[in-house]
Amino acid sequence: MLIRYKKSFEKIAMGLLSFMPEEKDVKKLIQTIKEYETNKEWHLYLWKESEDIIGAIGIRIDDQRLAVIQHISVNPSHRNSGIGKKMVEEIKQQLQPKFDICSDAKTESFIERCDA
């Protein structure tokens, strides 16, 4: 199930986001987390199964109608089990029809595979 990010999940969220190639640099990763904490247009959600948080998905609201999926990451030990697709589906359920959902260049190929 998707849960909203909160400060107490900071280390878990940073660990999950660090699996994305463009977030490997610690300074960049800290900057990204700070943006999710302070920018009201950025929203980070975590995927929780049982007691474990195993995925993260981040969106950016570009205007009043567009939500861009800009981060998506799953713990490597849980990959290829449909977690990423479940996160995308849940985000769409929560945000549509109020927002049109799209991807950015980093998440585009994954989102296309989820929609196939």
N, C-alpha and C. Protein backbone atom coordinates (compact mmCIF):
# COMPACT_ATOMS: atom_id res chain seq x y z
N MET A 1 0.84 -1.17 0.00
CA MET A 1 0.00 0.00 0.00
C MET A 1 0.88 1.24 0.00
N LEU A 2 0.40 2.29 -0.64
CA LEU A 2 1.13 3.55 -0.68
C LEU A 2 0.89 4.35 0.59
N ILE A 3 1.97 4.91 1.13
CA ILE A 3 1.87 5.81 2.27
C ILE A 3 2.63 7.08 1.94
N ARG A 4 2.21 8.20 2.48
CA ARG A 4 2.90 9.47 2.25
C ARG A 4 4.23 9.47 2.98
N TYR A 5 5.22 10.06 2.36
CA TYR A 5 6.53 10.23 2.98
C TYR A 5 6.40 11.16 4.17
N LYS A 6 7.12 10.85 5.23
CA LYS A 6 7.28 11.77 6.34
C LYS A 6 8.72 11.69 6.81
N LYS A 7 9.15 12.69 7.54
CA LYS A 7 10.56 12.85 7.94
C LYS A 7 11.11 11.60 8.62
N SER A 8 10.30 10.89 9.37
CA SER A 8 10.79 9.70 10.07
C SER A 8 11.20 8.58 9.11
N PHE A 9 10.78 8.68 7.84
CA PHE A 9 11.16 7.69 6.82
C PHE A 9 12.33 8.16 5.95
N GLU A 10 12.99 9.23 6.37
CA GLU A 10 14.02 9.86 5.53
C GLU A 10 15.11 8.87 5.08
N LYS A 11 15.68 8.12 5.99
CA LYS A 11 16.78 7.21 5.63
C LYS A 11 16.30 6.10 4.69
N ILE A 12 15.11 5.57 4.94
CA ILE A 12 14.56 4.54 4.07
C ILE A 12 14.33 5.11 2.67
N ALA A 13 13.73 6.30 2.61
CA ALA A 13 13.45 6.94 1.32
C ALA A 13 14.75 7.23 0.57
N MET A 14 15.75 7.73 1.28
CA MET A 14 17.03 8.01 0.63
C MET A 14 17.66 6.73 0.10
N GLY A 15 17.57 5.67 0.86
CA GLY A 15 18.11 4.39 0.40
C GLY A 15 17.42 3.91 -0.86
N LEU A 16 16.10 4.02 -0.91
CA LEU A 16 15.36 3.59 -2.09
C LEU A 16 15.66 4.48 -3.29
N LEU A 17 15.67 5.79 -3.09
CA LEU A 17 15.96 6.69 -4.21
C LEU A 17 17.39 6.54 -4.72
N SER A 18 18.30 6.10 -3.85
CA SER A 18 19.70 5.95 -4.27
C SER A 18 19.88 4.85 -5.31
N PHE A 19 18.87 3.99 -5.49
CA PHE A 19 18.95 2.96 -6.53
C PHE A 19 18.75 3.55 -7.93
N MET A 20 18.25 4.78 -8.01
CA MET A 20 18.10 5.43 -9.31
C MET A 20 19.46 6.01 -9.71
N PRO A 21 19.90 5.77 -10.94
CA PRO A 21 21.24 6.20 -11.35
C PRO A 21 21.55 7.68 -11.11
N GLU A 22 20.60 8.56 -11.37
CA GLU A 22 20.86 9.99 -11.21
C GLU A 22 20.84 10.44 -9.75
N GLU A 23 20.50 9.56 -8.83
CA GLU A 23 20.47 9.90 -7.40
C GLU A 23 21.59 9.23 -6.61
N LYS A 24 22.58 8.70 -7.28
CA LYS A 24 23.67 7.99 -6.59
C LYS A 24 24.53 8.94 -5.75
N ASP A 25 24.75 10.16 -6.23
CA ASP A 25 25.56 11.13 -5.51
C ASP A 25 24.83 11.57 -4.24
N VAL A 26 25.51 11.48 -3.10
CA VAL A 26 24.88 11.77 -1.80
C VAL A 26 24.36 13.21 -1.74
N LYS A 27 25.13 14.17 -2.26
CA LYS A 27 24.68 15.56 -2.23
C LYS A 27 23.40 15.74 -3.04
N LYS A 28 23.32 15.11 -4.19
CA LYS A 28 22.13 15.18 -5.04
C LYS A 28 20.95 14.52 -4.34
N LEU A 29 21.21 13.40 -3.70
CA LEU A 29 20.16 12.67 -2.99
C LEU A 29 19.59 13.50 -1.84
N ILE A 30 20.45 14.13 -1.06
CA ILE A 30 20.00 14.98 0.04
C ILE A 30 19.18 16.14 -0.49
N GLN A 31 19.64 16.73 -1.60
CA GLN A 31 18.92 17.83 -2.22
C GLN A 31 17.53 17.38 -2.68
N THR A 32 17.42 16.19 -3.25
CA THR A 32 16.14 15.66 -3.71
C THR A 32 15.18 15.46 -2.53
N ILE A 33 15.67 14.86 -1.46
CA ILE A 33 14.81 14.64 -0.27
C ILE A 33 14.35 15.98 0.30
N LYS A 34 15.24 16.95 0.38
CA LYS A 34 14.86 18.28 0.90
C LYS A 34 13.78 18.90 0.02
N GLU A 35 13.89 18.69 -1.29
CA GLU A 35 12.87 19.23 -2.21
C GLU A 35 11.51 18.59 -1.91
N TYR A 36 11.50 17.27 -1.68
CA TYR A 36 10.23 16.60 -1.34
C TYR A 36 9.68 17.10 -0.01
N GLU A 37 10.56 17.48 0.91
CA GLU A 37 10.10 17.94 2.22
C GLU A 37 9.60 19.38 2.20
N THR A 38 10.12 20.21 1.29
CA THR A 38 9.82 21.64 1.33
C THR A 38 8.97 22.16 0.18
N ASN A 39 9.01 21.51 -0.96
CA ASN A 39 8.28 22.00 -2.13
C ASN A 39 6.88 21.40 -2.14
N LYS A 40 5.86 22.25 -2.05
CA LYS A 40 4.49 21.76 -1.99
C LYS A 40 4.02 21.12 -3.29
N GLU A 41 4.79 21.27 -4.36
CA GLU A 41 4.45 20.66 -5.64
C GLU A 41 5.07 19.27 -5.81
N TRP A 42 5.97 18.88 -4.91
CA TRP A 42 6.64 17.57 -4.96
C TRP A 42 6.04 16.67 -3.89
N HIS A 43 5.67 15.44 -4.28
CA HIS A 43 5.04 14.49 -3.35
C HIS A 43 5.72 13.14 -3.47
N LEU A 44 6.19 12.62 -2.34
CA LEU A 44 6.86 11.32 -2.31
C LEU A 44 5.99 10.34 -1.55
N TYR A 45 5.82 9.16 -2.15
CA TYR A 45 5.05 8.08 -1.54
C TYR A 45 5.95 6.86 -1.41
N LEU A 46 5.71 6.09 -0.37
CA LEU A 46 6.47 4.86 -0.14
C LEU A 46 5.52 3.68 -0.22
N TRP A 47 6.04 2.55 -0.71
CA TRP A 47 5.23 1.34 -0.82
C TRP A 47 5.57 0.43 0.35
N LYS A 48 4.54 0.07 1.11
CA LYS A 48 4.73 -0.75 2.30
C LYS A 48 4.00 -2.07 2.13
N GLU A 49 4.71 -3.17 2.37
CA GLU A 49 4.12 -4.50 2.39
C GLU A 49 4.51 -5.14 3.71
N SER A 50 3.53 -5.67 4.39
CA SER A 50 3.72 -6.16 5.76
C SER A 50 4.28 -5.01 6.58
N GLU A 51 5.45 -5.17 7.14
CA GLU A 51 6.06 -4.09 7.92
C GLU A 51 7.21 -3.42 7.19
N ASP A 52 7.48 -3.85 5.95
CA ASP A 52 8.64 -3.35 5.21
C ASP A 52 8.25 -2.31 4.18
N ILE A 53 9.06 -1.27 4.09
CA ILE A 53 8.93 -0.28 3.03
C ILE A 53 9.90 -0.70 1.94
N ILE A 54 9.36 -1.01 0.76
CA ILE A 54 10.19 -1.61 -0.29
C ILE A 54 10.20 -0.83 -1.60
N GLY A 55 9.49 0.28 -1.66
CA GLY A 55 9.45 1.05 -2.89
C GLY A 55 9.18 2.51 -2.63
N ALA A 56 9.50 3.34 -3.63
CA ALA A 56 9.24 4.77 -3.55
C ALA A 56 8.82 5.28 -4.92
N ILE A 57 7.89 6.20 -4.92
CA ILE A 57 7.46 6.85 -6.15
C ILE A 57 7.26 8.33 -5.84
N GLY A 58 7.83 9.17 -6.68
CA GLY A 58 7.74 10.61 -6.47
C GLY A 58 7.10 11.30 -7.65
N ILE A 59 6.23 12.24 -7.36
CA ILE A 59 5.57 12.99 -8.42
C ILE A 59 5.79 14.49 -8.20
N ARG A 60 5.68 15.21 -9.30
CA ARG A 60 5.78 16.66 -9.28
C ARG A 60 4.53 17.20 -9.98
N ILE A 61 3.86 18.12 -9.35
CA ILE A 61 2.70 18.74 -9.97
C ILE A 61 3.22 19.91 -10.80
N ASP A 62 3.09 19.79 -12.15
CA ASP A 62 3.64 20.81 -13.04
C ASP A 62 2.70 22.00 -13.22
N ASP A 63 1.46 21.77 -13.21
CA ASP A 63 0.47 22.84 -13.27
C ASP A 63 -0.76 22.31 -12.55
N GLN A 64 -1.87 22.92 -12.75
CA GLN A 64 -3.05 22.50 -12.01
C GLN A 64 -3.63 21.17 -12.47
N ARG A 65 -3.15 20.63 -13.61
CA ARG A 65 -3.74 19.40 -14.14
C ARG A 65 -2.73 18.30 -14.44
N LEU A 66 -1.45 18.53 -14.29
CA LEU A 66 -0.44 17.57 -14.73
C LEU A 66 0.41 17.09 -13.55
N ALA A 67 0.44 15.77 -13.35
CA ALA A 67 1.29 15.15 -12.33
C ALA A 67 2.34 14.31 -13.06
N VAL A 68 3.60 14.64 -12.83
CA VAL A 68 4.71 13.99 -13.51
C VAL A 68 5.38 13.00 -12.56
N ILE A 69 5.43 11.72 -12.96
CA ILE A 69 6.16 10.74 -12.17
C ILE A 69 7.64 10.94 -12.48
N GLN A 70 8.39 11.38 -11.46
CA GLN A 70 9.79 11.72 -11.68
C GLN A 70 10.77 10.77 -10.98
N HIS A 71 10.31 10.01 -10.04
CA HIS A 71 11.13 9.01 -9.36
C HIS A 71 10.30 7.74 -9.17
N ILE A 72 10.93 6.62 -9.38
CA ILE A 72 10.31 5.35 -9.05
C ILE A 72 11.43 4.35 -8.78
N SER A 73 11.35 3.69 -7.65
CA SER A 73 12.42 2.78 -7.25
C SER A 73 11.87 1.68 -6.36
N VAL A 74 12.39 0.48 -6.56
CA VAL A 74 12.00 -0.67 -5.76
C VAL A 74 13.27 -1.32 -5.22
N ASN A 75 13.22 -1.75 -3.98
CA ASN A 75 14.35 -2.47 -3.39
C ASN A 75 14.73 -3.62 -4.31
N PRO A 76 16.02 -3.76 -4.64
CA PRO A 76 16.43 -4.81 -5.59
C PRO A 76 15.96 -6.22 -5.24
N SER A 77 15.85 -6.54 -3.97
CA SER A 77 15.41 -7.89 -3.60
C SER A 77 13.92 -8.12 -3.85
N HIS A 78 13.19 -7.05 -4.21
CA HIS A 78 11.75 -7.17 -4.48
C HIS A 78 11.41 -6.82 -5.93
N ARG A 79 12.42 -6.65 -6.76
CA ARG A 79 12.17 -6.29 -8.16
C ARG A 79 11.61 -7.48 -8.93
N ASN A 80 11.00 -7.16 -10.06
CA ASN A 80 10.39 -8.14 -10.95
C ASN A 80 9.24 -8.91 -10.30
N SER A 81 8.60 -8.27 -9.32
CA SER A 81 7.44 -8.89 -8.69
C SER A 81 6.20 -8.01 -8.81
N GLY A 82 6.28 -6.98 -9.65
CA GLY A 82 5.12 -6.13 -9.90
C GLY A 82 4.93 -4.96 -8.95
N ILE A 83 5.87 -4.71 -8.06
CA ILE A 83 5.73 -3.62 -7.08
C ILE A 83 5.70 -2.26 -7.79
N GLY A 84 6.60 -2.05 -8.73
CA GLY A 84 6.64 -0.78 -9.46
C GLY A 84 5.32 -0.51 -10.17
N LYS A 85 4.81 -1.53 -10.82
CA LYS A 85 3.54 -1.39 -11.54
C LYS A 85 2.40 -1.09 -10.57
N LYS A 86 2.41 -1.76 -9.41
CA LYS A 86 1.37 -1.50 -8.40
C LYS A 86 1.43 -0.05 -7.92
N MET A 87 2.66 0.48 -7.74
CA MET A 87 2.80 1.87 -7.29
C MET A 87 2.23 2.83 -8.34
N VAL A 88 2.55 2.59 -9.61
CA VAL A 88 2.05 3.44 -10.69
C VAL A 88 0.52 3.37 -10.74
N GLU A 89 -0.05 2.17 -10.65
CA GLU A 89 -1.50 2.02 -10.68
C GLU A 89 -2.16 2.75 -9.51
N GLU A 90 -1.58 2.62 -8.33
CA GLU A 90 -2.15 3.27 -7.14
C GLU A 90 -2.09 4.79 -7.25
N ILE A 91 -0.97 5.32 -7.76
CA ILE A 91 -0.85 6.77 -7.97
C ILE A 91 -1.93 7.24 -8.94
N LYS A 92 -2.10 6.49 -10.01
CA LYS A 92 -3.13 6.86 -10.99
C LYS A 92 -4.52 6.84 -10.36
N GLN A 93 -4.81 5.83 -9.55
CA GLN A 93 -6.12 5.76 -8.89
C GLN A 93 -6.34 6.94 -7.96
N GLN A 94 -5.28 7.34 -7.26
CA GLN A 94 -5.42 8.44 -6.30
C GLN A 94 -5.54 9.80 -6.99
N LEU A 95 -4.86 9.97 -8.11
CA LEU A 95 -4.77 11.31 -8.71
C LEU A 95 -5.71 11.56 -9.89
N GLN A 96 -6.11 10.50 -10.57
CA GLN A 96 -7.02 10.71 -11.71
C GLN A 96 -8.45 10.72 -11.18
N PRO A 97 -9.35 11.45 -11.72
CA PRO A 97 -9.27 12.28 -12.92
C PRO A 97 -8.83 13.71 -12.67
N LYS A 98 -8.52 14.06 -11.40
CA LYS A 98 -8.12 15.43 -11.10
C LYS A 98 -6.85 15.83 -11.86
N PHE A 99 -5.93 14.88 -12.03
CA PHE A 99 -4.67 15.16 -12.71
C PHE A 99 -4.46 14.20 -13.87
N ASP A 100 -3.83 14.71 -14.91
CA ASP A 100 -3.32 13.85 -15.98
C ASP A 100 -1.96 13.37 -15.52
N ILE A 101 -1.69 12.08 -15.63
CA ILE A 101 -0.44 11.49 -15.17
C ILE A 101 0.49 11.29 -16.37
N CYS A 102 1.74 11.68 -16.21
CA CYS A 102 2.73 11.42 -17.25
C CYS A 102 4.07 11.11 -16.58
N SER A 103 5.06 10.82 -17.38
CA SER A 103 6.39 10.52 -16.86
C SER A 103 7.37 11.58 -17.34
N ASP A 104 8.53 11.61 -16.72
CA ASP A 104 9.60 12.45 -17.24
C ASP A 104 10.58 11.53 -17.98
N ALA A 105 11.66 12.08 -18.47
CA ALA A 105 12.62 11.30 -19.27
C ALA A 105 13.21 10.13 -18.48
N LYS A 106 13.39 10.30 -17.17
CA LYS A 106 14.00 9.24 -16.34
C LYS A 106 13.06 8.06 -16.12
N THR A 107 11.77 8.31 -16.08
CA THR A 107 10.82 7.25 -15.75
C THR A 107 9.99 6.79 -16.94
N GLU A 108 10.18 7.42 -18.08
CA GLU A 108 9.33 7.16 -19.24
C GLU A 108 9.30 5.70 -19.68
N SER A 109 10.46 5.07 -19.83
CA SER A 109 10.47 3.69 -20.33
C SER A 109 9.79 2.74 -19.35
N PHE A 110 9.97 2.96 -18.05
CA PHE A 110 9.32 2.10 -17.07
C PHE A 110 7.81 2.28 -17.11
N ILE A 111 7.36 3.52 -17.15
CA ILE A 111 5.92 3.81 -17.17
C ILE A 111 5.27 3.22 -18.42
N GLU A 112 5.97 3.29 -19.55
CA GLU A 112 5.44 2.70 -20.79
C GLU A 112 5.27 1.19 -20.63
N ARG A 113 6.21 0.54 -19.97
CA ARG A 113 6.11 -0.92 -19.75
C ARG A 113 4.92 -1.22 -18.81
N CYS A 114 4.67 -0.36 -17.86
CA CYS A 114 3.54 -0.58 -16.94
C CYS A 114 2.21 -0.46 -17.68
N ASP A 115 2.15 0.42 -18.65
CA ASP A 115 0.92 0.64 -19.39
C ASP A 115 0.68 -0.39 -20.49
N ALA A 116 1.71 -1.18 -20.80
CA ALA A 116 1.59 -2.17 -21.89
C ALA A 116 0.74 -3.34 -21.49
